[in-house]
PDB file of all heavy atoms in Angstrom:
ATOM      1  N   PRO A   1      -8.858   1.804   6.013  1.00  0.00           N
ATOM      2  CA  PRO A   1      -8.968   0.607   6.744  1.00  0.00           C
ATOM      3  C   PRO A   1      -8.438  -0.589   5.974  1.00  0.00           C
ATOM      4  O   PRO A   1      -8.301  -0.610   4.746  1.00  0.00           O
ATOM      5  CB  PRO A   1     -10.556   0.466   6.863  1.00  0.00           C
ATOM      6  CG  PRO A   1     -11.068   1.255   5.715  1.00  0.00           C
ATOM      7  CD  PRO A   1     -10.103   2.380   5.454  1.00  0.00           C
ATOM      8  N   ALA A   2      -8.029  -1.598   6.733  1.00  0.00           N
ATOM      9  CA  ALA A   2      -7.580  -2.829   6.104  1.00  0.00           C
ATOM     10  C   ALA A   2      -8.684  -3.529   5.391  1.00  0.00           C
ATOM     11  O   ALA A   2      -9.871  -3.385   5.774  1.00  0.00           O
ATOM     12  CB  ALA A   2      -6.985  -3.749   7.203  1.00  0.00           C
ATOM     13  N   PRO A   3      -8.347  -4.201   4.329  1.00  0.00           N
ATOM     14  CA  PRO A   3      -9.370  -4.888   3.537  1.00  0.00           C
ATOM     15  C   PRO A   3     -10.168  -5.851   4.417  1.00  0.00           C
ATOM     16  O   PRO A   3      -9.603  -6.513   5.316  1.00  0.00           O
ATOM     17  CB  PRO A   3      -8.625  -5.641   2.466  1.00  0.00           C
ATOM     18  CG  PRO A   3      -7.342  -4.955   2.357  1.00  0.00           C
ATOM     19  CD  PRO A   3      -7.032  -4.392   3.762  1.00  0.00           C
ATOM     20  N   ASP A   4     -11.510  -5.963   4.169  1.00  0.00           N
ATOM     21  CA  ASP A   4     -12.337  -6.810   4.994  1.00  0.00           C
ATOM     22  C   ASP A   4     -12.358  -8.280   4.518  1.00  0.00           C
ATOM     23  O   ASP A   4     -12.964  -9.096   5.134  1.00  0.00           O
ATOM     24  CB  ASP A   4     -13.756  -6.292   4.948  1.00  0.00           C
ATOM     25  CG  ASP A   4     -13.843  -4.905   5.735  1.00  0.00           C
ATOM     26  OD1 ASP A   4     -13.102  -4.726   6.655  1.00  0.00           O
ATOM     27  OD2 ASP A   4     -14.746  -4.141   5.333  1.00  0.00           O
ATOM     28  N   SER A   5     -11.726  -8.492   3.388  1.00  0.00           N
ATOM     29  CA  SER A   5     -11.742  -9.853   2.839  1.00  0.00           C
ATOM     30  C   SER A   5     -11.201 -10.884   3.787  1.00  0.00           C
ATOM     31  O   SER A   5     -10.100 -10.771   4.275  1.00  0.00           O
ATOM     32  CB  SER A   5     -10.897  -9.898   1.554  1.00  0.00           C
ATOM     33  OG  SER A   5     -10.850 -11.215   1.074  1.00  0.00           O
ATOM     34  N   LYS A   6     -12.017 -11.872   4.129  1.00  0.00           N
ATOM     35  CA  LYS A   6     -11.559 -13.008   4.991  1.00  0.00           C
ATOM     36  C   LYS A   6     -10.601 -13.898   4.329  1.00  0.00           C
ATOM     37  O   LYS A   6      -9.829 -14.560   5.007  1.00  0.00           O
ATOM     38  CB  LYS A   6     -12.838 -13.827   5.444  1.00  0.00           C
ATOM     39  CG  LYS A   6     -13.839 -12.945   6.187  1.00  0.00           C
ATOM     40  CD  LYS A   6     -13.628 -13.059   7.624  1.00  0.00           C
ATOM     41  CE  LYS A   6     -14.776 -12.373   8.340  1.00  0.00           C
ATOM     42  NZ  LYS A   6     -14.400 -11.520   9.366  1.00  0.00           N
ATOM     43  N   GLN A   7     -10.589 -13.975   2.972  1.00  0.00           N
ATOM     44  CA  GLN A   7      -9.713 -14.817   2.265  1.00  0.00           C
ATOM     45  C   GLN A   7      -8.270 -14.274   2.221  1.00  0.00           C
ATOM     46  O   GLN A   7      -7.314 -15.064   2.015  1.00  0.00           O
ATOM     47  CB  GLN A   7     -10.222 -15.081   0.877  1.00  0.00           C
ATOM     48  CG  GLN A   7     -11.583 -15.762   0.854  1.00  0.00           C
ATOM     49  CD  GLN A   7     -12.130 -15.877  -0.556  1.00  0.00           C
ATOM     50  OE1 GLN A   7     -11.527 -15.386  -1.489  1.00  0.00           O
ATOM     51  NE2 GLN A   7     -13.260 -16.470  -0.696  1.00  0.00           N
ATOM     52  N   ASP A   8      -8.120 -12.979   2.345  1.00  0.00           N
ATOM     53  CA  ASP A   8      -6.768 -12.412   2.242  1.00  0.00           C
ATOM     54  C   ASP A   8      -6.201 -12.390   3.666  1.00  0.00           C
ATOM     55  O   ASP A   8      -6.520 -11.533   4.492  1.00  0.00           O
ATOM     56  CB  ASP A   8      -6.843 -10.987   1.686  1.00  0.00           C
ATOM     57  CG  ASP A   8      -5.439 -10.417   1.367  1.00  0.00           C
ATOM     58  OD1 ASP A   8      -4.518 -11.152   1.645  1.00  0.00           O
ATOM     59  OD2 ASP A   8      -5.430  -9.299   0.814  1.00  0.00           O
ATOM     60  N   ARG A   9      -5.323 -13.325   3.905  1.00  0.00           N
ATOM     61  CA  ARG A   9      -4.735 -13.503   5.270  1.00  0.00           C
ATOM     62  C   ARG A   9      -3.337 -12.898   5.350  1.00  0.00           C
ATOM     63  O   ARG A   9      -2.619 -13.285   6.269  1.00  0.00           O
ATOM     64  CB  ARG A   9      -4.722 -14.946   5.670  1.00  0.00           C
ATOM     65  CG  ARG A   9      -6.150 -15.496   5.729  1.00  0.00           C
ATOM     66  CD  ARG A   9      -6.126 -16.968   6.245  1.00  0.00           C
ATOM     67  NE  ARG A   9      -7.414 -17.497   6.278  1.00  0.00           N
ATOM     68  CZ  ARG A   9      -8.227 -17.521   7.307  1.00  0.00           C
ATOM     69  NH1 ARG A   9      -7.834 -16.873   8.432  1.00  0.00           N
ATOM     70  NH2 ARG A   9      -9.419 -18.057   7.250  1.00  0.00           N
ATOM     71  N   ARG A  10      -2.968 -12.113   4.387  1.00  0.00           N
ATOM     72  CA  ARG A  10      -1.633 -11.476   4.451  1.00  0.00           C
ATOM     73  C   ARG A  10      -1.521 -10.550   5.662  1.00  0.00           C
ATOM     74  O   ARG A  10      -2.510 -10.012   6.148  1.00  0.00           O
ATOM     75  CB  ARG A  10      -1.371 -10.653   3.149  1.00  0.00           C
ATOM     76  CG  ARG A  10      -1.340 -11.530   1.899  1.00  0.00           C
ATOM     77  CD  ARG A  10      -1.121 -10.683   0.717  1.00  0.00           C
ATOM     78  NE  ARG A  10      -2.142  -9.709   0.621  1.00  0.00           N
ATOM     79  CZ  ARG A  10      -1.977  -8.500   0.170  1.00  0.00           C
ATOM     80  NH1 ARG A  10      -0.812  -8.126  -0.296  1.00  0.00           N
ATOM     81  NH2 ARG A  10      -2.988  -7.633   0.086  1.00  0.00           N
ATOM     82  N   PRO A  11      -0.300 -10.430   6.166  1.00  0.00           N
ATOM     83  CA  PRO A  11      -0.091  -9.605   7.355  1.00  0.00           C
ATOM     84  C   PRO A  11      -0.378  -8.110   7.003  1.00  0.00           C
ATOM     85  O   PRO A  11      -0.287  -7.701   5.837  1.00  0.00           O
ATOM     86  CB  PRO A  11       1.360  -9.784   7.697  1.00  0.00           C
ATOM     87  CG  PRO A  11       1.993 -10.550   6.583  1.00  0.00           C
ATOM     88  CD  PRO A  11       0.876 -11.121   5.763  1.00  0.00           C
ATOM     89  N   PRO A  12      -0.745  -7.307   8.063  1.00  0.00           N
ATOM     90  CA  PRO A  12      -1.070  -5.914   7.822  1.00  0.00           C
ATOM     91  C   PRO A  12       0.055  -5.117   7.126  1.00  0.00           C
ATOM     92  O   PRO A  12      -0.232  -4.200   6.384  1.00  0.00           O
ATOM     93  CB  PRO A  12      -1.283  -5.334   9.262  1.00  0.00           C
ATOM     94  CG  PRO A  12      -1.646  -6.549  10.052  1.00  0.00           C
ATOM     95  CD  PRO A  12      -0.920  -7.701   9.463  1.00  0.00           C
ATOM     96  N   TYR A  13       1.325  -5.445   7.379  1.00  0.00           N
ATOM     97  CA  TYR A  13       2.388  -4.715   6.714  1.00  0.00           C
ATOM     98  C   TYR A  13       2.341  -4.861   5.196  1.00  0.00           C
ATOM     99  O   TYR A  13       2.694  -3.926   4.481  1.00  0.00           O
ATOM    100  CB  TYR A  13       3.762  -5.068   7.296  1.00  0.00           C
ATOM    101  CG  TYR A  13       4.315  -6.379   6.818  1.00  0.00           C
ATOM    102  CD1 TYR A  13       5.168  -6.404   5.680  1.00  0.00           C
ATOM    103  CD2 TYR A  13       4.094  -7.521   7.486  1.00  0.00           C
ATOM    104  CE1 TYR A  13       5.709  -7.552   5.249  1.00  0.00           C
ATOM    105  CE2 TYR A  13       4.670  -8.759   7.066  1.00  0.00           C
ATOM    106  CZ  TYR A  13       5.431  -8.785   5.944  1.00  0.00           C
ATOM    107  OH  TYR A  13       5.983  -9.918   5.506  1.00  0.00           O
ATOM    108  N   GLN A  14       1.882  -6.036   4.697  1.00  0.00           N
ATOM    109  CA  GLN A  14       1.800  -6.204   3.283  1.00  0.00           C
ATOM    110  C   GLN A  14       0.696  -5.356   2.689  1.00  0.00           C
ATOM    111  O   GLN A  14       0.855  -4.834   1.641  1.00  0.00           O
ATOM    112  CB  GLN A  14       1.478  -7.720   3.000  1.00  0.00           C
ATOM    113  CG  GLN A  14       2.687  -8.602   3.084  1.00  0.00           C
ATOM    114  CD  GLN A  14       3.704  -8.427   1.953  1.00  0.00           C
ATOM    115  OE1 GLN A  14       3.456  -7.714   1.030  1.00  0.00           O
ATOM    116  NE2 GLN A  14       4.866  -8.954   2.151  1.00  0.00           N
ATOM    117  N   HIS A  15      -0.424  -5.234   3.442  1.00  0.00           N
ATOM    118  CA  HIS A  15      -1.526  -4.325   2.970  1.00  0.00           C
ATOM    119  C   HIS A  15      -0.996  -2.894   2.876  1.00  0.00           C
ATOM    120  O   HIS A  15      -1.268  -2.152   1.874  1.00  0.00           O
ATOM    121  CB  HIS A  15      -2.731  -4.427   3.888  1.00  0.00           C
ATOM    122  CG  HIS A  15      -3.387  -5.721   3.851  1.00  0.00           C
ATOM    123  ND1 HIS A  15      -4.163  -6.151   2.769  1.00  0.00           N
ATOM    124  CD2 HIS A  15      -3.453  -6.775   4.774  1.00  0.00           C
ATOM    125  CE1 HIS A  15      -4.601  -7.340   2.996  1.00  0.00           C
ATOM    126  NE2 HIS A  15      -4.201  -7.718   4.215  1.00  0.00           N
ATOM    127  N   ALA A  16      -0.286  -2.474   3.913  1.00  0.00           N
ATOM    128  CA  ALA A  16       0.264  -1.101   3.927  1.00  0.00           C
ATOM    129  C   ALA A  16       1.235  -0.913   2.814  1.00  0.00           C
ATOM    130  O   ALA A  16       1.180   0.140   2.106  1.00  0.00           O
ATOM    131  CB  ALA A  16       0.900  -0.789   5.297  1.00  0.00           C
ATOM    132  N   ALA A  17       2.070  -1.855   2.593  1.00  0.00           N
ATOM    133  CA  ALA A  17       3.117  -1.794   1.528  1.00  0.00           C
ATOM    134  C   ALA A  17       2.407  -1.714   0.219  1.00  0.00           C
ATOM    135  O   ALA A  17       2.793  -0.955  -0.686  1.00  0.00           O
ATOM    136  CB  ALA A  17       4.083  -2.974   1.605  1.00  0.00           C
ATOM    137  N   ASP A  18       1.377  -2.506  -0.003  1.00  0.00           N
ATOM    138  CA  ASP A  18       0.668  -2.467  -1.311  1.00  0.00           C
ATOM    139  C   ASP A  18       0.099  -1.138  -1.575  1.00  0.00           C
ATOM    140  O   ASP A  18       0.197  -0.601  -2.654  1.00  0.00           O
ATOM    141  CB  ASP A  18      -0.477  -3.544  -1.270  1.00  0.00           C
ATOM    142  CG  ASP A  18      -0.009  -4.977  -1.315  1.00  0.00           C
ATOM    143  OD1 ASP A  18       1.205  -5.183  -1.625  1.00  0.00           O
ATOM    144  OD2 ASP A  18      -0.799  -5.878  -1.062  1.00  0.00           O
ATOM    145  N   GLU A  19      -0.555  -0.496  -0.557  1.00  0.00           N
ATOM    146  CA  GLU A  19      -1.109   0.834  -0.713  1.00  0.00           C
ATOM    147  C   GLU A  19      -0.094   1.891  -1.048  1.00  0.00           C
ATOM    148  O   GLU A  19      -0.222   2.736  -1.907  1.00  0.00           O
ATOM    149  CB  GLU A  19      -2.005   1.197   0.429  1.00  0.00           C
ATOM    150  CG  GLU A  19      -2.861   2.393   0.110  1.00  0.00           C
ATOM    151  CD  GLU A  19      -3.950   2.581   1.138  1.00  0.00           C
ATOM    152  OE1 GLU A  19      -4.523   1.579   1.612  1.00  0.00           O
ATOM    153  OE2 GLU A  19      -4.300   3.739   1.405  1.00  0.00           O
ATOM    154  N   LEU A  20       1.010   1.817  -0.308  1.00  0.00           N
ATOM    155  CA  LEU A  20       2.133   2.788  -0.522  1.00  0.00           C
ATOM    156  C   LEU A  20       2.717   2.545  -1.939  1.00  0.00           C
ATOM    157  O   LEU A  20       3.071   3.529  -2.592  1.00  0.00           O
ATOM    158  CB  LEU A  20       3.204   2.649   0.535  1.00  0.00           C
ATOM    159  CG  LEU A  20       2.742   3.083   1.915  1.00  0.00           C
ATOM    160  CD1 LEU A  20       3.796   2.684   2.963  1.00  0.00           C
ATOM    161  CD2 LEU A  20       2.541   4.594   1.946  1.00  0.00           C
ATOM    162  N   ARG A  21       2.927   1.258  -2.311  1.00  0.00           N
ATOM    163  CA  ARG A  21       3.448   0.990  -3.677  1.00  0.00           C
ATOM    164  C   ARG A  21       2.519   1.510  -4.747  1.00  0.00           C
ATOM    165  O   ARG A  21       2.921   2.162  -5.682  1.00  0.00           O
ATOM    166  CB  ARG A  21       3.542  -0.553  -3.809  1.00  0.00           C
ATOM    167  CG  ARG A  21       4.167  -0.981  -5.124  1.00  0.00           C
ATOM    168  CD  ARG A  21       4.191  -2.499  -5.339  1.00  0.00           C
ATOM    169  NE  ARG A  21       4.864  -3.207  -4.215  1.00  0.00           N
ATOM    170  CZ  ARG A  21       4.262  -3.891  -3.318  1.00  0.00           C
ATOM    171  NH1 ARG A  21       2.901  -3.984  -3.293  1.00  0.00           N
ATOM    172  NH2 ARG A  21       4.897  -4.508  -2.337  1.00  0.00           N
ATOM    173  N   ARG A  22       1.245   1.365  -4.493  1.00  0.00           N
ATOM    174  CA  ARG A  22       0.227   1.944  -5.440  1.00  0.00           C
ATOM    175  C   ARG A  22       0.364   3.402  -5.546  1.00  0.00           C
ATOM    176  O   ARG A  22       0.329   4.037  -6.662  1.00  0.00           O
ATOM    177  CB  ARG A  22      -1.169   1.546  -4.959  1.00  0.00           C
ATOM    178  CG  ARG A  22      -2.232   1.591  -6.056  1.00  0.00           C
ATOM    179  CD  ARG A  22      -3.574   1.009  -5.620  1.00  0.00           C
ATOM    180  NE  ARG A  22      -3.412  -0.350  -5.103  1.00  0.00           N
ATOM    181  CZ  ARG A  22      -3.720  -0.751  -3.899  1.00  0.00           C
ATOM    182  NH1 ARG A  22      -4.152   0.112  -3.008  1.00  0.00           N
ATOM    183  NH2 ARG A  22      -3.568  -2.017  -3.537  1.00  0.00           N
ATOM    184  N   ASP A  23       0.522   4.082  -4.402  1.00  0.00           N
ATOM    185  CA  ASP A  23       0.739   5.591  -4.409  1.00  0.00           C
ATOM    186  C   ASP A  23       1.960   5.962  -5.176  1.00  0.00           C
ATOM    187  O   ASP A  23       1.912   6.944  -5.901  1.00  0.00           O
ATOM    188  CB  ASP A  23       0.871   6.113  -2.957  1.00  0.00           C
ATOM    189  CG  ASP A  23      -0.412   6.076  -2.146  1.00  0.00           C
ATOM    190  OD1 ASP A  23      -1.509   5.823  -2.741  1.00  0.00           O
ATOM    191  OD2 ASP A  23      -0.389   6.306  -0.920  1.00  0.00           O
ATOM    192  N   ILE A  24       3.027   5.228  -5.035  1.00  0.00           N
ATOM    193  CA  ILE A  24       4.247   5.532  -5.775  1.00  0.00           C
ATOM    194  C   ILE A  24       4.112   5.310  -7.258  1.00  0.00           C
ATOM    195  O   ILE A  24       4.394   6.162  -8.082  1.00  0.00           O
ATOM    196  CB  ILE A  24       5.466   4.728  -5.230  1.00  0.00           C
ATOM    197  CG1 ILE A  24       5.791   5.150  -3.805  1.00  0.00           C
ATOM    198  CG2 ILE A  24       6.650   4.822  -6.183  1.00  0.00           C
ATOM    199  CD1 ILE A  24       6.740   4.213  -3.100  1.00  0.00           C
ATOM    200  N   LEU A  25       3.522   4.125  -7.589  1.00  0.00           N
ATOM    201  CA  LEU A  25       3.376   3.814  -9.042  1.00  0.00           C
ATOM    202  C   LEU A  25       2.353   4.693  -9.735  1.00  0.00           C
ATOM    203  O   LEU A  25       2.462   4.901 -10.984  1.00  0.00           O
ATOM    204  CB  LEU A  25       2.978   2.302  -9.180  1.00  0.00           C
ATOM    205  CG  LEU A  25       4.017   1.347  -8.682  1.00  0.00           C
ATOM    206  CD1 LEU A  25       3.559  -0.099  -8.809  1.00  0.00           C
ATOM    207  CD2 LEU A  25       5.334   1.450  -9.449  1.00  0.00           C
ATOM    208  N   GLN A  26       1.386   5.220  -9.038  1.00  0.00           N
ATOM    209  CA  GLN A  26       0.394   6.084  -9.611  1.00  0.00           C
ATOM    210  C   GLN A  26       0.806   7.548  -9.590  1.00  0.00           C
ATOM    211  O   GLN A  26       0.093   8.403 -10.033  1.00  0.00           O
ATOM    212  CB  GLN A  26      -0.975   5.903  -8.995  1.00  0.00           C
ATOM    213  CG  GLN A  26      -1.568   4.522  -9.252  1.00  0.00           C
ATOM    214  CD  GLN A  26      -2.904   4.233  -8.623  1.00  0.00           C
ATOM    215  OE1 GLN A  26      -3.328   5.072  -7.779  1.00  0.00           O
ATOM    216  NE2 GLN A  26      -3.526   3.132  -8.917  1.00  0.00           N
ATOM    217  N   GLY A  27       2.010   7.820  -9.035  1.00  0.00           N
ATOM    218  CA  GLY A  27       2.563   9.149  -9.055  1.00  0.00           C
ATOM    219  C   GLY A  27       2.046  10.062  -7.923  1.00  0.00           C
ATOM    220  O   GLY A  27       2.332  11.269  -7.959  1.00  0.00           O
ATOM    221  N   ARG A  28       1.313   9.555  -6.972  1.00  0.00           N
ATOM    222  CA  ARG A  28       0.880  10.384  -5.848  1.00  0.00           C
ATOM    223  C   ARG A  28       2.039  10.799  -4.965  1.00  0.00           C
ATOM    224  O   ARG A  28       2.055  11.814  -4.300  1.00  0.00           O
ATOM    225  CB  ARG A  28      -0.202   9.683  -5.101  1.00  0.00           C
ATOM    226  CG  ARG A  28      -1.534   9.589  -5.806  1.00  0.00           C
ATOM    227  CD  ARG A  28      -2.668   9.183  -4.925  1.00  0.00           C
ATOM    228  NE  ARG A  28      -2.580   7.706  -4.681  1.00  0.00           N
ATOM    229  CZ  ARG A  28      -3.316   6.791  -5.333  1.00  0.00           C
ATOM    230  NH1 ARG A  28      -4.142   7.129  -6.299  1.00  0.00           N
ATOM    231  NH2 ARG A  28      -3.144   5.538  -5.084  1.00  0.00           N
ATOM    232  N   ILE A  29       3.051   9.884  -4.888  1.00  0.00           N
ATOM    233  CA  ILE A  29       4.366  10.221  -4.227  1.00  0.00           C
ATOM    234  C   ILE A  29       5.360  10.142  -5.336  1.00  0.00           C
ATOM    235  O   ILE A  29       5.569   9.008  -5.870  1.00  0.00           O
ATOM    236  CB  ILE A  29       4.685   9.232  -3.041  1.00  0.00           C
ATOM    237  CG1 ILE A  29       3.486   9.154  -2.086  1.00  0.00           C
ATOM    238  CG2 ILE A  29       5.887   9.727  -2.334  1.00  0.00           C
ATOM    239  CD1 ILE A  29       3.636   8.097  -1.023  1.00  0.00           C
ATOM    240  N   LYS A  30       6.002  11.216  -5.654  1.00  0.00           N
ATOM    241  CA  LYS A  30       6.907  11.269  -6.768  1.00  0.00           C
ATOM    242  C   LYS A  30       8.319  10.922  -6.336  1.00  0.00           C
ATOM    243  O   LYS A  30       8.700  11.049  -5.223  1.00  0.00           O
ATOM    244  CB  LYS A  30       6.846  12.641  -7.434  1.00  0.00           C
ATOM    245  CG  LYS A  30       5.456  12.970  -7.909  1.00  0.00           C
ATOM    246  CD  LYS A  30       5.453  14.184  -8.809  1.00  0.00           C
ATOM    247  CE  LYS A  30       4.072  14.570  -9.246  1.00  0.00           C
ATOM    248  NZ  LYS A  30       3.000  13.676  -9.228  1.00  0.00           N
ATOM    249  N   PRO A  31       9.177  10.513  -7.374  1.00  0.00           N
ATOM    250  CA  PRO A  31      10.568  10.248  -7.099  1.00  0.00           C
ATOM    251  C   PRO A  31      11.257  11.416  -6.424  1.00  0.00           C
ATOM    252  O   PRO A  31      11.062  12.584  -6.834  1.00  0.00           O
ATOM    253  CB  PRO A  31      11.217   9.958  -8.471  1.00  0.00           C
ATOM    254  CG  PRO A  31      10.010   9.427  -9.280  1.00  0.00           C
ATOM    255  CD  PRO A  31       8.818  10.157  -8.742  1.00  0.00           C
ATOM    256  N   GLY A  32      12.010  11.169  -5.393  1.00  0.00           N
ATOM    257  CA  GLY A  32      12.712  12.205  -4.667  1.00  0.00           C
ATOM    258  C   GLY A  32      11.919  12.692  -3.488  1.00  0.00           C
ATOM    259  O   GLY A  32      12.466  13.341  -2.590  1.00  0.00           O
ATOM    260  N   GLU A  33      10.605  12.550  -3.532  1.00  0.00           N
ATOM    261  CA  GLU A  33       9.756  13.011  -2.402  1.00  0.00           C
ATOM    262  C   GLU A  33       9.943  12.121  -1.187  1.00  0.00           C
ATOM    263  O   GLU A  33      10.189  10.907  -1.284  1.00  0.00           O
ATOM    264  CB  GLU A  33       8.287  13.005  -2.762  1.00  0.00           C
ATOM    265  CG  GLU A  33       7.902  14.153  -3.663  1.00  0.00           C
ATOM    266  CD  GLU A  33       6.377  14.197  -3.916  1.00  0.00           C
ATOM    267  OE1 GLU A  33       5.626  13.636  -3.042  1.00  0.00           O
ATOM    268  OE2 GLU A  33       5.975  14.738  -4.927  1.00  0.00           O
ATOM    269  N   GLN A  34       9.803  12.713  -0.015  1.00  0.00           N
ATOM    270  CA  GLN A  34       9.953  11.943   1.225  1.00  0.00           C
ATOM    271  C   GLN A  34       8.619  11.181   1.469  1.00  0.00           C
ATOM    272  O   GLN A  34       7.537  11.676   1.279  1.00  0.00           O
ATOM    273  CB  GLN A  34      10.185  12.906   2.400  1.00  0.00           C
ATOM    274  CG  GLN A  34      10.496  12.156   3.658  1.00  0.00           C
ATOM    275  CD  GLN A  34      11.088  13.095   4.720  1.00  0.00           C
ATOM    276  OE1 GLN A  34      11.115  14.341   4.520  1.00  0.00           O
ATOM    277  NE2 GLN A  34      11.538  12.492   5.785  1.00  0.00           N
ATOM    278  N   MET A  35       8.864   9.995   1.951  1.00  0.00           N
ATOM    279  CA  MET A  35       7.694   9.108   2.303  1.00  0.00           C
ATOM    280  C   MET A  35       7.075   9.655   3.616  1.00  0.00           C
ATOM    281  O   MET A  35       7.801  10.338   4.410  1.00  0.00           O
ATOM    282  CB  MET A  35       8.144   7.682   2.493  1.00  0.00           C
ATOM    283  CG  MET A  35       8.659   7.020   1.249  1.00  0.00           C
ATOM    284  SD  MET A  35       7.345   6.718   0.034  1.00  0.00           S
ATOM    285  CE  MET A  35       6.355   5.482   0.859  1.00  0.00           C
TER     286      MET A  35
END
């Protein structure tokens, strides 16, 4: 789910990008793997 924080008014695509970026940086999706 999207963060419930009322103060974070970033668009939903930024939240999705942040979570995907986190997956990449933490190695859950490895280099060369398909998104």
